[in-house]
Protein backbone atom coordinates (compact mmCIF):
# COMPACT_ATOMS: atom_id res chain seq x y z
CA UNK A 1 -5.71 10.48 24.54
CA UNK A 2 -5.96 7.48 26.62
CA UNK A 3 -7.01 5.08 23.96
CA UNK A 4 -4.39 6.87 21.51
CA UNK A 5 -1.66 6.24 24.24
CA UNK A 6 -2.93 2.53 24.57
CA UNK A 7 -2.90 1.80 20.81
CA UNK A 8 0.61 3.04 20.58
CA UNK A 9 1.84 1.39 23.42
CA UNK A 10 0.11 -2.03 21.87
CA UNK A 11 1.90 -1.34 18.95
CA UNK A 12 5.14 -0.69 20.34
CA UNK A 13 4.93 -4.17 22.08
CA UNK A 14 4.26 -5.85 18.73
CA UNK A 15 7.30 -3.99 17.18
CA UNK A 16 9.49 -5.36 20.09
CA UNK A 17 7.88 -8.95 19.84
CA UNK A 18 9.16 -8.58 16.06
CA UNK A 19 12.50 -7.25 16.91
CA UNK A 20 13.48 -9.99 19.18
CA UNK A 21 12.45 -12.78 16.61
CA UNK A 22 15.57 -14.79 14.68
CA UNK A 23 17.08 -12.15 11.90
CA UNK A 24 14.97 -13.78 9.41
CA UNK A 25 12.48 -16.42 9.99
CA UNK A 26 9.74 -15.81 7.62
CA UNK A 27 7.47 -18.57 6.57
CA UNK A 28 9.08 -20.99 4.32
CA UNK A 29 7.89 -22.69 1.09
CA UNK A 30 5.47 -25.39 1.85
CA UNK A 31 3.87 -23.60 4.65
CA UNK A 32 0.16 -22.60 4.38
CA UNK A 33 -0.20 -18.71 4.04
CA UNK A 34 -2.16 -17.30 6.90
CA UNK A 35 -5.23 -15.76 5.44
CA UNK A 36 -5.92 -12.10 6.12
CA UNK A 37 -8.34 -9.26 5.48
CA UNK A 38 -7.11 -5.70 5.28
CA UNK A 39 -8.09 -2.20 4.66
CA UNK A 40 -6.58 -1.41 1.35
CA UNK A 41 -6.77 1.35 -1.34
CA UNK A 42 -6.49 1.11 -5.27
CA UNK A 43 -6.09 3.95 -7.35
CA UNK A 44 -6.83 5.88 -4.55
CA UNK A 45 -10.13 4.17 -3.68
CA UNK A 46 -10.43 2.16 -0.39
CA UNK A 47 -12.01 -1.34 0.07
CA UNK A 48 -11.30 -4.65 2.11
CA UNK A 49 -9.06 -6.73 0.58
CA UNK A 50 -9.34 -10.76 1.18
CA UNK A 51 -6.39 -13.35 0.74
CA UNK A 52 -8.94 -15.89 0.79
CA UNK A 53 -10.97 -14.38 -2.05
CA UNK A 54 -7.92 -13.45 -4.25
CA UNK A 55 -6.78 -17.12 -4.09
CA UNK A 56 -10.00 -18.20 -5.61
CA UNK A 57 -9.11 -16.60 -8.92
CA UNK A 58 -5.45 -18.22 -8.82
CA UNK A 59 -1.79 -17.37 -7.19
CA UNK A 60 -1.61 -14.32 -5.41
CA UNK A 61 1.79 -12.22 -4.73
CA UNK A 62 2.01 -10.92 -0.92
CA UNK A 63 4.90 -8.50 -0.83
CA UNK A 64 5.65 -6.68 2.28
CA UNK A 65 7.53 -3.47 2.13
CA UNK A 66 9.03 -0.92 4.73
CA UNK A 67 7.30 2.46 3.63
CA UNK A 68 5.39 4.00 1.07
CA UNK A 69 7.61 7.03 -0.68
CA UNK A 70 10.78 5.58 0.35
CA UNK A 71 13.21 5.17 -2.35
CA UNK A 72 13.27 1.14 -2.59
CA UNK A 73 9.71 0.75 -2.13
CA UNK A 74 9.19 3.47 -4.80
CA UNK A 75 11.17 1.47 -6.83
CA UNK A 76 9.43 -1.82 -6.28
CA UNK A 77 5.93 -0.35 -6.71
CA UNK A 78 6.51 1.30 -9.93
CA UNK A 79 8.37 -1.93 -11.41
CA UNK A 80 5.35 -4.22 -10.10
CA UNK A 81 2.82 -1.35 -11.64
CA UNK A 82 4.72 -1.73 -15.19
CA UNK A 83 4.63 -5.55 -15.08
CA UNK A 84 0.99 -5.89 -13.98
CA UNK A 85 -0.26 -6.99 -17.40
CA UNK A 86 2.29 -9.85 -17.30
CA UNK A 87 1.31 -10.60 -13.68
CA UNK A 88 -2.40 -10.58 -14.98
CA UNK A 89 -1.65 -13.02 -17.99
CA UNK A 90 -0.25 -15.64 -15.58
CA UNK A 91 -3.54 -15.34 -13.59
CA UNK A 92 -1.84 -13.74 -10.18
CA UNK A 93 -3.05 -11.26 -8.32
CA UNK A 94 -0.74 -8.26 -6.80
CA UNK A 95 -0.92 -7.06 -3.39
CA UNK A 96 1.49 -5.02 -1.30
CA UNK A 97 1.27 -4.97 2.17
CA UNK A 98 2.94 -1.91 4.72
CA UNK A 99 2.32 -0.49 8.17
CA UNK A 100 1.54 2.72 6.22
CA UNK A 101 -1.56 4.39 7.33
CA UNK A 102 -4.60 4.14 4.73
CA UNK A 103 -4.33 7.70 4.19
CA UNK A 104 -0.60 7.57 3.16
CA UNK A 105 -2.25 4.37 0.80
CA UNK A 106 -4.57 6.07 -0.74
CA UNK A 107 -1.85 8.91 -2.20
CA UNK A 108 0.74 5.96 -2.98
CA UNK A 109 -1.80 3.68 -4.86
CA UNK A 110 -2.98 6.24 -7.22
CA UNK A 111 0.45 7.97 -7.64
CA UNK A 112 1.02 7.66 -11.31
CA UNK A 113 5.07 7.44 -10.55
CA UNK A 114 4.51 4.25 -8.17
CA UNK A 115 1.50 2.02 -7.80
CA UNK A 116 -0.41 4.13 -10.64
CA UNK A 117 -3.61 2.67 -9.70
CA UNK A 118 -2.36 -0.86 -11.09
CA UNK A 119 -2.73 -2.96 -8.21
CA UNK A 120 -3.71 -2.73 -4.29
CA UNK A 121 -1.67 -1.71 -1.26
CA UNK A 122 -3.01 -2.70 2.21
CA UNK A 123 -2.48 -1.05 5.50
CA UNK A 124 -1.12 -3.35 8.32
CA UNK A 125 -0.74 -0.53 10.85
CA UNK A 126 -0.39 -2.77 13.85
CA UNK A 127 2.05 -5.32 11.90
CA UNK A 128 -0.39 -8.48 12.76
CA UNK A 129 -0.43 -9.49 9.34
CA UNK A 130 3.60 -9.25 9.05
CA UNK A 131 3.81 -11.25 12.39
CA UNK A 132 1.54 -13.89 11.36
CA UNK A 133 4.22 -14.53 8.14
CA UNK A 134 7.10 -14.35 10.95
CA UNK A 135 8.47 -11.32 9.69
CA UNK A 136 10.41 -8.47 11.67
CA UNK A 137 9.03 -4.97 12.06
CA UNK A 138 11.33 -2.00 13.17
CA UNK A 139 10.06 1.34 14.47
CA UNK A 140 10.87 4.29 12.65
CA UNK A 141 13.49 6.58 14.03
CA UNK A 142 12.33 9.85 15.24
CA UNK A 143 12.90 12.58 12.64
CA UNK A 144 12.33 10.28 9.68
CA UNK A 145 10.55 11.72 6.71
CA UNK A 146 9.54 10.16 3.44
CA UNK A 147 10.75 11.53 -0.07
CA UNK A 148 8.11 14.12 0.17
CA UNK A 149 8.97 15.47 3.37
CA UNK A 150 6.29 14.08 5.21
CA UNK A 151 7.18 12.20 8.90
CA UNK A 152 7.13 8.64 8.75
CA UNK A 153 5.77 7.16 12.21
CA UNK A 154 4.93 4.01 11.37
CA UNK A 155 6.87 0.53 11.95
CA UNK A 156 9.08 -0.60 8.98
CA UNK A 157 8.22 -4.30 8.00
CA UNK A 158 11.20 -6.14 6.55
CA UNK A 159 10.87 -6.33 2.28
CA UNK A 160 9.88 -9.99 1.92
CA UNK A 161 7.63 -11.39 -1.14
CA UNK A 162 5.62 -14.39 -0.79
CA UNK A 163 4.23 -16.14 -3.67
CA UNK A 164 1.35 -18.15 -3.09
CA UNK A 165 -0.30 -20.76 -5.01
CA UNK A 166 -4.15 -20.98 -5.45
CA UNK A 167 -4.50 -23.78 -2.74
CA UNK A 168 -2.90 -21.56 -0.39
CA UNK A 169 0.58 -23.08 0.11
CA UNK A 170 3.91 -20.98 -0.18
CA UNK A 171 5.75 -21.64 -3.16
CA UNK A 172 8.55 -18.87 -2.78
CA UNK A 173 9.83 -16.67 -0.33
CA UNK A 174 12.00 -14.03 -1.31
CA UNK A 175 13.96 -11.83 1.10
CA UNK A 176 15.74 -8.66 0.48
CA UNK A 177 17.57 -9.40 3.93
CA UNK A 178 18.70 -13.31 3.41
CA UNK A 179 18.79 -13.24 -0.42
CA UNK A 180 20.22 -9.88 -0.89
CA UNK A 181 17.75 -8.93 -3.36
CA UNK A 182 17.11 -5.51 -4.72
CA UNK A 183 13.52 -4.24 -4.44
CA UNK A 184 13.14 -4.60 -8.18
CA UNK A 185 14.45 -8.23 -8.21
CA UNK A 186 11.25 -9.24 -5.95
CA UNK A 187 9.51 -8.43 -8.81
CA UNK A 188 11.34 -10.23 -11.85
CA UNK A 189 11.55 -13.39 -9.55
CA UNK A 190 7.89 -13.57 -8.57
CA UNK A 191 6.99 -12.80 -12.16
CA UNK A 192 8.88 -15.58 -13.16
CA UNK A 193 7.47 -17.72 -10.44
CA UNK A 194 3.90 -17.40 -11.26
CA UNK A 195 4.52 -17.76 -14.94
CA UNK A 196 6.04 -21.07 -13.92
CA UNK A 197 3.32 -22.30 -12.23
CA UNK A 198 0.95 -21.15 -15.04
CA UNK A 199 3.46 -23.35 -17.44
CA UNK A 200 2.49 -26.35 -15.32
CA UNK A 201 -0.92 -26.29 -15.69
CA UNK A 202 -0.76 -26.05 -19.62
CA UNK A 203 -1.51 -29.67 -20.98
């Protein structure tokens, strides 16, 4: 019980720290993307995702979102899944990151309405990855439920997408907060950017 309470207090401190940051201070294009490993799920199967390993294959789209099984995040996941083949054709990897538990993400990653097993989603339960990208995280309000009626008890990370080139440099930062982008627009814009990166490599 003490361990659980200590974990809760540590998460609360991290969320408070994130909330105290400026309104939007996400890492900007040109910065080196912090590498990370995280517990992730694809099609309901858990594995360890490594950004460093993914970058060896080409550009990576790292998209942070508030919570699985909520309206905007469901639309965003569905749109990424529907366009996965186009990202593949551009040589790009997709990874979603939220503070959802891996248990919630096992269901979400396999859900045919949303991720549909097309790409992985990673758990950043202590929001350390989000903070390394200078993102905000806000505590869930008591009594909040997802679209299934299940209680949400994790932090909400601000919806932000980073397009990272194979050399580890951020080439684009897309924010719903500062750019006023709808969830599905994150997908369309990041796809256009990775397609542009591929075109630049073509002789």
